[in-house]
Amino acid sequence: MSVPDRAARGFTLAEVLVSGTLFLLVLGVVAGFLIPGMRAWMRGREQSEAQQNALLAMLALREAARWSHPESIGPIDSSSLRMYSTRCPDGPSFQKETGQVEYHNWELFYLDRGMLRQHDVALALDARGKLPTELPADLSTSAPSLATDARDRVLARNIEGFRCRTGPDGVEIQVDSRVGASTSHIETRLVPGQMDP
């Protein structure tokens, strides 16, 4: 009977143990470099998403303020905001006789389960069948109360805080967004735009 040569027999147990140990050492060194890099990439992605969410909320509020009556923008409470707006699906409209801008709705903004939402309340026509062109005499009683509705438009997600207050130069807004362990904080002052017919 012939003895098989070494190539046909395979590896010895000692060779398998040494090669396995070397493989695990190399894998550990490679993982030691990759894991911190992947964690840093994830933190950067979370921070970027948090900043985008806060910025998206702020841009939506600024755009709404642009179409609103200058004196109508104000907080309902510390975490909700109201505006008397000219914005409608077809754009702003103007009265034919006077050229004055018509106001279509109240826009209410509020925080609900981490989402900044917009709730619109259509304005009633006056006795002549026209939309209002002036602010109501008493904003506090004419502004509708906020009623959360599942159909309200979501402006931004992952919003942790939304605060508004009337300051000396207008309404001051703060938006905080959180994604994972990353947070973003943006503050601004809303300045309504003046629309000319």
Protein backbone atom coordinates (compact mmCIF):
# COMPACT_ATOMS: atom_id res chain seq x y z
CA MET A 1 0.00 0.00 0.00
CA SER A 2 1.34 3.38 -0.94
CA VAL A 3 1.46 6.33 1.47
CA PRO A 4 -0.41 9.38 0.07
CA ASP A 5 1.77 12.40 -0.54
CA ARG A 6 1.46 15.53 1.60
CA ALA A 7 -0.61 17.53 -0.96
CA ALA A 8 -3.30 14.87 -1.04
CA ARG A 9 -3.58 14.60 2.78
CA GLY A 10 -4.72 18.24 3.45
CA PHE A 11 -3.75 20.51 6.34
CA THR A 12 -2.73 19.46 9.79
CA LEU A 13 -4.62 20.65 12.84
CA ALA A 14 -1.73 22.94 13.82
CA GLU A 15 -1.74 24.60 10.38
CA VAL A 16 -5.51 25.20 10.54
CA LEU A 17 -5.23 26.74 14.03
CA VAL A 18 -2.37 29.05 13.04
CA SER A 19 -4.08 30.23 9.83
CA GLY A 20 -7.42 30.75 11.65
CA THR A 21 -5.70 32.80 14.36
CA LEU A 22 -3.93 34.96 11.76
CA PHE A 23 -7.22 35.48 9.89
CA LEU A 24 -8.99 36.61 13.09
CA LEU A 25 -6.14 38.99 13.95
CA VAL A 26 -6.29 40.63 10.52
CA LEU A 27 -10.10 40.83 10.71
CA GLY A 28 -9.90 42.47 14.16
CA VAL A 29 -7.42 45.11 12.93
CA VAL A 30 -9.56 45.90 9.87
CA ALA A 31 -12.74 46.11 12.00
CA GLY A 32 -10.92 48.41 14.45
CA PHE A 33 -10.46 50.89 11.61
CA LEU A 34 -13.87 50.47 9.95
CA ILE A 35 -16.24 50.60 12.94
CA PRO A 36 -15.25 54.09 14.19
CA GLY A 37 -15.47 55.39 10.63
CA MET A 38 -18.95 53.91 10.19
CA ARG A 39 -20.08 55.41 13.51
CA ALA A 40 -18.77 58.84 12.49
CA TRP A 41 -20.58 58.53 9.15
CA MET A 42 -23.85 57.63 10.93
CA ARG A 43 -23.50 60.59 13.33
CA GLY A 44 -22.86 62.92 10.40
CA ARG A 45 -25.90 61.57 8.57
CA GLU A 46 -28.10 62.01 11.65
CA GLN A 47 -26.82 65.57 12.20
CA SER A 48 -27.46 66.44 8.57
CA GLU A 49 -31.00 65.04 8.74
CA ALA A 50 -31.74 66.93 11.97
CA GLN A 51 -30.53 70.19 10.38
CA GLN A 52 -32.59 69.56 7.24
CA ASN A 53 -35.75 68.89 9.28
CA ALA A 54 -35.36 72.09 11.32
CA LEU A 55 -34.56 74.12 8.20
CA LEU A 56 -37.52 72.67 6.32
CA ALA A 57 -39.86 73.66 9.15
CA MET A 58 -38.40 77.17 9.29
CA LEU A 59 -38.63 77.69 5.52
CA ALA A 60 -42.29 76.60 5.51
CA LEU A 61 -43.07 79.10 8.28
CA ARG A 62 -41.23 81.91 6.49
CA GLU A 63 -43.09 81.18 3.25
CA ALA A 64 -46.42 81.26 5.08
CA ALA A 65 -45.48 84.56 6.74
CA ARG A 66 -44.73 86.02 3.34
CA TRP A 67 -48.40 85.60 2.35
CA SER A 68 -49.86 86.75 5.67
CA HIS A 69 -51.24 90.00 7.02
CA PRO A 70 -48.37 91.72 8.88
CA GLU A 71 -50.29 92.17 12.11
CA SER A 72 -51.94 88.74 12.15
CA ILE A 73 -48.87 86.63 12.85
CA GLY A 74 -48.75 85.64 16.46
CA PRO A 75 -48.60 82.79 18.90
CA ILE A 76 -51.77 81.02 20.04
CA ASP A 77 -49.73 79.64 22.91
CA SER A 78 -46.02 78.92 23.39
CA SER A 79 -46.03 76.01 20.91
CA SER A 80 -48.50 77.05 18.20
CA LEU A 81 -48.74 79.91 15.75
CA ARG A 82 -51.53 81.56 13.69
CA MET A 83 -51.54 83.72 10.54
CA TYR A 84 -54.31 85.43 8.54
CA SER A 85 -53.29 84.37 5.04
CA THR A 86 -53.85 85.31 1.40
CA ARG A 87 -52.49 81.96 0.30
CA CYS A 88 -54.86 79.64 -1.56
CA PRO A 89 -54.36 76.87 -4.16
CA ASP A 90 -54.65 79.33 -7.07
CA GLY A 91 -52.44 81.98 -5.48
CA PRO A 92 -53.50 85.27 -3.91
CA SER A 93 -56.57 87.06 -5.21
CA PHE A 94 -57.44 90.74 -5.29
CA GLN A 95 -60.77 92.54 -5.25
CA LYS A 96 -61.59 93.90 -8.70
CA GLU A 97 -63.05 97.16 -7.47
CA THR A 98 -60.39 98.21 -4.97
CA GLY A 99 -57.39 96.05 -5.84
CA GLN A 100 -57.05 95.06 -2.20
CA VAL A 101 -55.75 91.62 -1.43
CA GLU A 102 -58.31 89.11 -0.12
CA TYR A 103 -57.59 86.87 2.84
CA HIS A 104 -58.62 83.24 2.34
CA ASN A 105 -57.88 81.41 5.56
CA TRP A 106 -56.30 81.19 8.96
CA GLU A 107 -53.14 79.09 8.90
CA LEU A 108 -52.37 77.43 12.23
CA PHE A 109 -49.05 75.72 12.90
CA TYR A 110 -48.50 73.32 15.81
CA LEU A 111 -46.33 70.46 17.05
CA ASP A 112 -47.92 67.00 17.18
CA ARG A 113 -45.98 63.82 18.07
CA GLY A 114 -42.71 65.05 16.61
CA MET A 115 -44.26 66.58 13.48
CA LEU A 116 -44.78 70.24 12.69
CA ARG A 117 -48.27 70.42 11.16
CA GLN A 118 -50.31 73.06 9.36
CA HIS A 119 -54.07 73.36 9.90
CA ASP A 120 -56.06 75.63 7.57
CA VAL A 121 -59.42 77.16 8.45
CA ALA A 122 -61.24 78.79 5.53
CA LEU A 123 -62.62 82.27 6.12
CA ALA A 124 -66.31 82.95 5.70
CA LEU A 125 -67.52 85.37 3.04
CA ASP A 126 -68.89 88.68 4.25
CA ALA A 127 -72.47 89.92 3.71
CA ARG A 128 -71.61 91.00 0.14
CA GLY A 129 -70.21 87.54 -0.69
CA LYS A 130 -66.63 88.83 -0.59
CA LEU A 131 -63.56 87.58 1.21
CA PRO A 132 -62.22 89.86 3.97
CA THR A 133 -59.59 92.46 3.10
CA GLU A 134 -59.00 93.72 6.65
CA LEU A 135 -57.95 92.09 9.86
CA PRO A 136 -60.74 91.37 12.33
CA ALA A 137 -60.97 93.96 15.11
CA ASP A 138 -60.18 91.43 17.82
CA LEU A 139 -57.66 88.81 16.71
CA SER A 140 -57.88 86.84 19.95
CA THR A 141 -61.59 86.04 19.51
CA SER A 142 -61.64 85.78 15.72
CA ALA A 143 -58.74 83.32 15.41
CA PRO A 144 -60.12 79.79 15.48
CA SER A 145 -59.10 77.46 18.27
CA LEU A 146 -56.62 74.81 17.25
CA ALA A 147 -58.24 71.45 16.56
CA THR A 148 -55.78 68.67 15.74
CA ASP A 149 -56.81 66.86 12.58
CA ALA A 150 -55.16 63.79 11.05
CA ARG A 151 -55.57 65.40 7.60
CA ASP A 152 -53.44 68.42 8.54
CA ARG A 153 -50.40 68.87 6.35
CA VAL A 154 -47.08 67.67 7.79
CA LEU A 155 -44.39 70.30 7.21
CA ALA A 156 -41.47 68.55 8.93
CA ARG A 157 -40.77 65.40 10.95
CA ASN A 158 -38.50 64.64 13.92
CA ILE A 159 -39.24 68.05 15.44
CA GLU A 160 -38.57 67.94 19.17
CA GLY A 161 -39.46 71.52 20.03
CA PHE A 162 -41.42 74.36 18.44
CA ARG A 163 -41.69 77.59 20.39
CA CYS A 164 -43.01 80.97 19.39
CA ARG A 165 -43.39 84.23 21.24
CA THR A 166 -44.02 87.84 20.41
CA GLY A 167 -40.84 89.87 20.71
CA PRO A 168 -40.07 93.57 20.29
CA ASP A 169 -39.44 93.16 16.53
CA GLY A 170 -42.01 90.54 15.58
CA VAL A 171 -42.68 86.89 16.30
CA GLU A 172 -39.62 84.91 17.36
CA ILE A 173 -39.58 81.23 16.38
CA GLN A 174 -37.39 78.40 17.67
CA VAL A 175 -37.34 74.94 16.09
CA ASP A 176 -35.45 71.97 17.55
CA SER A 177 -35.03 68.73 15.62
CA ARG A 178 -33.62 65.42 16.87
CA VAL A 179 -32.54 62.41 14.82
CA GLY A 180 -30.91 59.66 16.86
CA ALA A 181 -28.46 61.36 19.21
CA SER A 182 -28.03 64.44 16.99
CA THR A 183 -29.94 67.67 17.50
CA SER A 184 -30.31 70.90 15.57
CA HIS A 185 -31.60 74.24 16.86
CA ILE A 186 -32.70 77.14 14.61
CA GLU A 187 -34.08 80.51 15.66
CA THR A 188 -35.54 83.23 13.46
CA ARG A 189 -37.92 86.16 13.45
CA LEU A 190 -40.89 86.02 11.09
CA VAL A 191 -41.34 89.09 8.93
CA PRO A 192 -44.51 89.13 6.81
CA GLY A 193 -44.31 90.26 3.22
CA GLN A 194 -46.30 93.18 1.87
CA MET A 195 -48.22 92.23 -1.25
CA ASP A 196 -49.02 94.86 -3.82
CA PRO A 197 -51.86 94.33 -6.31
